[in-house]
Amino acid sequence: MSKRIRVDDRVYERLESAKRDDESFNDTVERLIDDPSFRDLQDVFSDAQISEMRAAIEETSHNTNQ
């Protein structure tokens, strides 16, 4: 069952800007109200930064298991 909600133009514009190409507005709202995920950080870090973080995690994991 679906429900309709009203949002003012400012809120609609923010939702529209947060909406990904492959998402419906429902998907966008659900993503935004759910707990944060690593996927949400994909546009925050560069590939080089992600590689550095992975290496640091692997190193820490390796050192902890010794």
PDB file of N, CA and C in Angstrom:
ATOM      1  N   MET A   1       0.844  -1.179   0.000  1.00  0.00           N
ATOM      2  CA  MET A   1       0.000   0.000   0.000  1.00  0.00           C
ATOM      3  C   MET A   1       0.887   1.239   0.000  1.00  0.00           C
ATOM      4  N   SER A   2       0.578   2.168  -0.844  1.00  0.00           N
ATOM      5  CA  SER A   2       1.387   3.380  -0.898  1.00  0.00           C
ATOM      6  C   SER A   2       0.636   4.532  -0.238  1.00  0.00           C
ATOM      7  N   LYS A   3       1.398   5.498   0.200  1.00  0.00           N
ATOM      8  CA  LYS A   3       0.863   6.709   0.834  1.00  0.00           C
ATOM      9  C   LYS A   3       1.441   7.913   0.115  1.00  0.00           C
ATOM     10  N   ARG A   4       0.735   8.973   0.129  1.00  0.00           N
ATOM     11  CA  ARG A   4       1.244  10.229  -0.424  1.00  0.00           C
ATOM     12  C   ARG A   4       1.669  11.134   0.712  1.00  0.00           C
ATOM     13  N   ILE A   5       2.749  11.835   0.486  1.00  0.00           N
ATOM     14  CA  ILE A   5       3.190  12.826   1.466  1.00  0.00           C
ATOM     15  C   ILE A   5       3.437  14.134   0.737  1.00  0.00           C
ATOM     16  N   ARG A   6       3.329  15.205   1.458  1.00  0.00           N
ATOM     17  CA  ARG A   6       3.628  16.527   0.897  1.00  0.00           C
ATOM     18  C   ARG A   6       4.945  17.016   1.464  1.00  0.00           C
ATOM     19  N   VAL A   7       5.749  17.551   0.594  1.00  0.00           N
ATOM     20  CA  VAL A   7       6.982  18.201   1.022  1.00  0.00           C
ATOM     21  C   VAL A   7       7.045  19.539   0.312  1.00  0.00           C
ATOM     22  N   ASP A   8       7.667  20.514   0.964  1.00  0.00           N
ATOM     23  CA  ASP A   8       7.758  21.797   0.286  1.00  0.00           C
ATOM     24  C   ASP A   8       8.860  21.736  -0.782  1.00  0.00           C
ATOM     25  N   ASP A   9       8.904  22.738  -1.619  1.00  0.00           N
ATOM     26  CA  ASP A   9       9.817  22.751  -2.762  1.00  0.00           C
ATOM     27  C   ASP A   9      11.271  22.569  -2.353  1.00  0.00           C
ATOM     28  N   ARG A  10      11.661  23.176  -1.249  1.00  0.00           N
ATOM     29  CA  ARG A  10      13.047  23.078  -0.786  1.00  0.00           C
ATOM     30  C   ARG A  10      13.405  21.624  -0.466  1.00  0.00           C
ATOM     31  N   VAL A  11      12.514  20.927   0.218  1.00  0.00           N
ATOM     32  CA  VAL A  11      12.754  19.531   0.575  1.00  0.00           C
ATOM     33  C   VAL A  11      12.760  18.666  -0.685  1.00  0.00           C
ATOM     34  N   TYR A  12      11.840  18.924  -1.592  1.00  0.00           N
ATOM     35  CA  TYR A  12      11.796  18.165  -2.847  1.00  0.00           C
ATOM     36  C   TYR A  12      13.103  18.317  -3.614  1.00  0.00           C
ATOM     37  N   GLU A  13      13.599  19.535  -3.697  1.00  0.00           N
ATOM     38  CA  GLU A  13      14.858  19.786  -4.412  1.00  0.00           C
ATOM     39  C   GLU A  13      16.019  19.049  -3.759  1.00  0.00           C
ATOM     40  N   ARG A  14      16.039  19.002  -2.424  1.00  0.00           N
ATOM     41  CA  ARG A  14      17.100  18.266  -1.732  1.00  0.00           C
ATOM     42  C   ARG A  14      17.000  16.771  -1.998  1.00  0.00           C
ATOM     43  N   LEU A  15      15.781  16.241  -1.984  1.00  0.00           N
ATOM     44  CA  LEU A  15      15.593  14.828  -2.304  1.00  0.00           C
ATOM     45  C   LEU A  15      16.002  14.531  -3.745  1.00  0.00           C
ATOM     46  N   GLU A  16      15.603  15.402  -4.631  1.00  0.00           N
ATOM     47  CA  GLU A  16      15.929  15.215  -6.040  1.00  0.00           C
ATOM     48  C   GLU A  16      17.443  15.236  -6.267  1.00  0.00           C
ATOM     49  N   SER A  17      18.144  16.096  -5.554  1.00  0.00           N
ATOM     50  CA  SER A  17      19.598  16.159  -5.726  1.00  0.00           C
ATOM     51  C   SER A  17      20.293  14.954  -5.079  1.00  0.00           C
ATOM     52  N   ALA A  18      19.662  14.353  -4.057  1.00  0.00           N
ATOM     53  CA  ALA A  18      20.239  13.177  -3.409  1.00  0.00           C
ATOM     54  C   ALA A  18      19.908  11.894  -4.162  1.00  0.00           C
ATOM     55  N   LYS A  19      18.919  11.953  -5.039  1.00  0.00           N
ATOM     56  CA  LYS A  19      18.449  10.767  -5.764  1.00  0.00           C
ATOM     57  C   LYS A  19      19.492  10.330  -6.778  1.00  0.00           C
ATOM     58  N   ARG A  20      19.797   9.039  -6.745  1.00  0.00           N
ATOM     59  CA  ARG A  20      20.735   8.470  -7.704  1.00  0.00           C
ATOM     60  C   ARG A  20      19.976   8.079  -8.967  1.00  0.00           C
ATOM     61  N   ASP A  21      20.696   7.983 -10.081  1.00  0.00           N
ATOM     62  CA  ASP A  21      20.054   7.684 -11.360  1.00  0.00           C
ATOM     63  C   ASP A  21      19.257   6.393 -11.349  1.00  0.00           C
ATOM     64  N   ASP A  22      19.714   5.412 -10.605  1.00  0.00           N
ATOM     65  CA  ASP A  22      19.057   4.103 -10.593  1.00  0.00           C
ATOM     66  C   ASP A  22      18.031   3.958  -9.469  1.00  0.00           C
ATOM     67  N   GLU A  23      17.674   5.061  -8.802  1.00  0.00           N
ATOM     68  CA  GLU A  23      16.765   4.999  -7.662  1.00  0.00           C
ATOM     69  C   GLU A  23      15.427   5.657  -7.969  1.00  0.00           C
ATOM     70  N   SER A  24      14.402   5.134  -7.324  1.00  0.00           N
ATOM     71  CA  SER A  24      13.119   5.830  -7.268  1.00  0.00           C
ATOM     72  C   SER A  24      13.198   6.806  -6.085  1.00  0.00           C
ATOM     73  N   PHE A  25      12.224   7.684  -5.969  1.00  0.00           N
ATOM     74  CA  PHE A  25      12.214   8.568  -4.803  1.00  0.00           C
ATOM     75  C   PHE A  25      12.038   7.747  -3.523  1.00  0.00           C
ATOM     76  N   ASN A  26      11.263   6.686  -3.589  1.00  0.00           N
ATOM     77  CA  ASN A  26      11.097   5.809  -2.432  1.00  0.00           C
ATOM     78  C   ASN A  26      12.443   5.231  -2.003  1.00  0.00           C
ATOM     79  N   ASP A  27      13.226   4.750  -2.979  1.00  0.00           N
ATOM     80  CA  ASP A  27      14.549   4.205  -2.673  1.00  0.00           C
ATOM     81  C   ASP A  27      15.439   5.265  -2.028  1.00  0.00           C
ATOM     82  N   THR A  28      15.358   6.473  -2.536  1.00  0.00           N
ATOM     83  CA  THR A  28      16.176   7.566  -2.008  1.00  0.00           C
ATOM     84  C   THR A  28      15.825   7.863  -0.563  1.00  0.00           C
ATOM     85  N   VAL A  29      14.548   7.989  -0.281  1.00  0.00           N
ATOM     86  CA  VAL A  29      14.110   8.272   1.091  1.00  0.00           C
ATOM     87  C   VAL A  29      14.534   7.142   2.012  1.00  0.00           C
ATOM     88  N   GLU A  30      14.345   5.911   1.570  1.00  0.00           N
ATOM     89  CA  GLU A  30      14.723   4.763   2.402  1.00  0.00           C
ATOM     90  C   GLU A  30      16.226   4.767   2.690  1.00  0.00           C
ATOM     91  N   ARG A  31      17.036   5.043   1.672  1.00  0.00           N
ATOM     92  CA  ARG A  31      18.487   5.089   1.864  1.00  0.00           C
ATOM     93  C   ARG A  31      18.862   6.189   2.851  1.00  0.00           C
ATOM     94  N   LEU A  32      18.228   7.327   2.729  1.00  0.00           N
ATOM     95  CA  LEU A  32      18.582   8.465   3.574  1.00  0.00           C
ATOM     96  C   LEU A  32      18.164   8.284   5.027  1.00  0.00           C
ATOM     97  N   ILE A  33      17.122   7.516   5.273  1.00  0.00           N
ATOM     98  CA  ILE A  33      16.690   7.342   6.663  1.00  0.00           C
ATOM     99  C   ILE A  33      17.271   6.093   7.299  1.00  0.00           C
ATOM    100  N   ASP A  34      17.855   5.197   6.487  1.00  0.00           N
ATOM    101  CA  ASP A  34      18.520   4.018   7.036  1.00  0.00           C
ATOM    102  C   ASP A  34      19.854   4.414   7.648  1.00  0.00           C
ATOM    103  N   ASP A  35      20.445   3.454   8.342  1.00  0.00           N
ATOM    104  CA  ASP A  35      21.770   3.676   8.897  1.00  0.00           C
ATOM    105  C   ASP A  35      22.756   3.962   7.764  1.00  0.00           C
ATOM    106  N   PRO A  36      23.765   4.760   8.051  1.00  0.00           N
ATOM    107  CA  PRO A  36      24.764   5.054   7.018  1.00  0.00           C
ATOM    108  C   PRO A  36      25.443   3.774   6.532  1.00  0.00           C
ATOM    109  N   SER A  37      25.861   3.785   5.277  1.00  0.00           N
ATOM    110  CA  SER A  37      26.559   2.629   4.734  1.00  0.00           C
ATOM    111  C   SER A  37      27.842   3.099   4.050  1.00  0.00           C
ATOM    112  N   PHE A  38      28.753   2.160   3.859  1.00  0.00           N
ATOM    113  CA  PHE A  38      29.995   2.504   3.173  1.00  0.00           C
ATOM    114  C   PHE A  38      29.724   2.974   1.751  1.00  0.00           C
ATOM    115  N   ARG A  39      28.650   2.482   1.147  1.00  0.00           N
ATOM    116  CA  ARG A  39      28.316   2.909  -0.218  1.00  0.00           C
ATOM    117  C   ARG A  39      28.088   4.418  -0.282  1.00  0.00           C
ATOM    118  N   ASP A  40      27.583   4.986   0.812  1.00  0.00           N
ATOM    119  CA  ASP A  40      27.336   6.416   0.846  1.00  0.00           C
ATOM    120  C   ASP A  40      28.626   7.228   0.777  1.00  0.00           C
ATOM    121  N   LEU A  41      29.736   6.587   1.060  1.00  0.00           N
ATOM    122  CA  LEU A  41      31.024   7.282   1.053  1.00  0.00           C
ATOM    123  C   LEU A  41      31.733   7.204  -0.294  1.00  0.00           C
ATOM    124  N   GLN A  42      31.128   6.533  -1.282  1.00  0.00           N
ATOM    125  CA  GLN A  42      31.800   6.313  -2.556  1.00  0.00           C
ATOM    126  C   GLN A  42      32.179   7.608  -3.263  1.00  0.00           C
ATOM    127  N   ASP A  43      31.440   8.664  -3.038  1.00  0.00           N
ATOM    128  CA  ASP A  43      31.758   9.928  -3.684  1.00  0.00           C
ATOM    129  C   ASP A  43      32.613  10.833  -2.810  1.00  0.00           C
ATOM    130  N   VAL A  44      32.932  10.377  -1.607  1.00  0.00           N
ATOM    131  CA  VAL A  44      33.686  11.193  -0.664  1.00  0.00           C
ATOM    132  C   VAL A  44      35.193  10.986  -0.828  1.00  0.00           C
ATOM    133  N   PHE A  45      35.582   9.731  -1.044  1.00  0.00           N
ATOM    134  CA  PHE A  45      37.003   9.396  -1.110  1.00  0.00           C
ATOM    135  C   PHE A  45      37.427   9.058  -2.533  1.00  0.00           C
ATOM    136  N   SER A  46      38.664   9.374  -2.846  1.00  0.00           N
ATOM    137  CA  SER A  46      39.221   9.009  -4.144  1.00  0.00           C
ATOM    138  C   SER A  46      39.604   7.532  -4.135  1.00  0.00           C
ATOM    139  N   ASP A  47      39.844   6.972  -5.317  1.00  0.00           N
ATOM    140  CA  ASP A  47      40.275   5.573  -5.407  1.00  0.00           C
ATOM    141  C   ASP A  47      41.580   5.353  -4.650  1.00  0.00           C
ATOM    142  N   ALA A  48      42.482   6.325  -4.716  1.00  0.00           N
ATOM    143  CA  ALA A  48      43.764   6.206  -4.009  1.00  0.00           C
ATOM    144  C   ALA A  48      43.539   6.164  -2.499  1.00  0.00           C
ATOM    145  N   GLN A  49      42.646   7.001  -1.994  1.00  0.00           N
ATOM    146  CA  GLN A  49      42.361   7.013  -0.562  1.00  0.00           C
ATOM    147  C   GLN A  49      41.731   5.691  -0.126  1.00  0.00           C
ATOM    148  N   ILE A  50      40.845   5.156  -0.958  1.00  0.00           N
ATOM    149  CA  ILE A  50      40.210   3.879  -0.638  1.00  0.00           C
ATOM    150  C   ILE A  50      41.262   2.778  -0.587  1.00  0.00           C
ATOM    151  N   SER A  51      42.190   2.782  -1.528  1.00  0.00           N
ATOM    152  CA  SER A  51      43.263   1.783  -1.539  1.00  0.00           C
ATOM    153  C   SER A  51      44.119   1.888  -0.285  1.00  0.00           C
ATOM    154  N   GLU A  52      44.433   3.109   0.133  1.00  0.00           N
ATOM    155  CA  GLU A  52      45.219   3.315   1.348  1.00  0.00           C
ATOM    156  C   GLU A  52      44.473   2.786   2.577  1.00  0.00           C
ATOM    157  N   MET A  53      43.178   3.041   2.639  1.00  0.00           N
ATOM    158  CA  MET A  53      42.383   2.565   3.778  1.00  0.00           C
ATOM    159  C   MET A  53      42.331   1.041   3.797  1.00  0.00           C
ATOM    160  N   ARG A  54      42.126   0.435   2.629  1.00  0.00           N
ATOM    161  CA  ARG A  54      42.101  -1.032   2.564  1.00  0.00           C
ATOM    162  C   ARG A  54      43.429  -1.619   3.031  1.00  0.00           C
ATOM    163  N   ALA A  55      44.523  -1.026   2.575  1.00  0.00           N
ATOM    164  CA  ALA A  55      45.849  -1.516   2.970  1.00  0.00           C
ATOM    165  C   ALA A  55      46.033  -1.389   4.478  1.00  0.00           C
ATOM    166  N   ALA A  56      45.606  -0.282   5.042  1.00  0.00           N
ATOM    167  CA  ALA A  56      45.736  -0.080   6.487  1.00  0.00           C
ATOM    168  C   ALA A  56      44.888  -1.092   7.259  1.00  0.00           C
ATOM    169  N   ILE A  57      43.687  -1.372   6.767  1.00  0.00           N
ATOM    170  CA  ILE A  57      42.820  -2.348   7.430  1.00  0.00           C
ATOM    171  C   ILE A  57      43.440  -3.732   7.358  1.00  0.00           C
ATOM    172  N   GLU A  58      43.939  -4.085   6.182  1.00  0.00           N
ATOM    173  CA  GLU A  58      44.577  -5.402   6.023  1.00  0.00           C
ATOM    174  C   GLU A  58      45.804  -5.534   6.917  1.00  0.00           C
ATOM    175  N   GLU A  59      46.610  -4.481   6.991  1.00  0.00           N
ATOM    176  CA  GLU A  59      47.814  -4.505   7.839  1.00  0.00           C
ATOM    177  C   GLU A  59      47.432  -4.668   9.298  1.00  0.00           C
ATOM    178  N   THR A  60      46.447  -3.926   9.734  1.00  0.00           N
ATOM    179  CA  THR A  60      45.989  -4.019  11.125  1.00  0.00           C
ATOM    180  C   THR A  60      45.446  -5.410  11.416  1.00  0.00           C
ATOM    181  N   SER A  61      44.676  -5.946  10.478  1.00  0.00           N
ATOM    182  CA  SER A  61      44.126  -7.288  10.652  1.00  0.00           C
ATOM    183  C   SER A  61      45.239  -8.312  10.711  1.00  0.00           C
ATOM    184  N   HIS A  62      46.241  -8.170   9.857  1.00  0.00           N
ATOM    185  CA  HIS A  62      47.375  -9.095   9.844  1.00  0.00           C
ATOM    186  C   HIS A  62      48.153  -9.024  11.162  1.00  0.00           C
ATOM    187  N   ASN A  63      48.401  -7.820  11.659  1.00  0.00           N
ATOM    188  CA  ASN A  63      49.143  -7.628  12.910  1.00  0.00           C
ATOM    189  C   ASN A  63      48.360  -8.150  14.118  1.00  0.00           C
ATOM    190  N   THR A  64      47.061  -8.047  14.074  1.00  0.00           N
ATOM    191  CA  THR A  64      46.221  -8.506  15.179  1.00  0.00           C
ATOM    192  C   THR A  64      46.185 -10.021  15.247  1.00  0.00           C
ATOM    193  N   ASN A  65      46.265 -10.677  14.098  1.00  0.00           N
ATOM    194  CA  ASN A  65      46.183 -12.140  14.049  1.00  0.00           C
ATOM    195  C   ASN A  65      47.495 -12.829  14.350  1.00  0.00           C
ATOM    196  N   GLN A  66      48.555 -12.094  14.590  1.00  0.00           N
ATOM    197  CA  GLN A  66      49.856 -12.720  14.868  1.00  0.00           C
ATOM    198  C   GLN A  66      50.016 -13.031  16.330  1.00  0.00           C
TER     199      GLN A  66
END
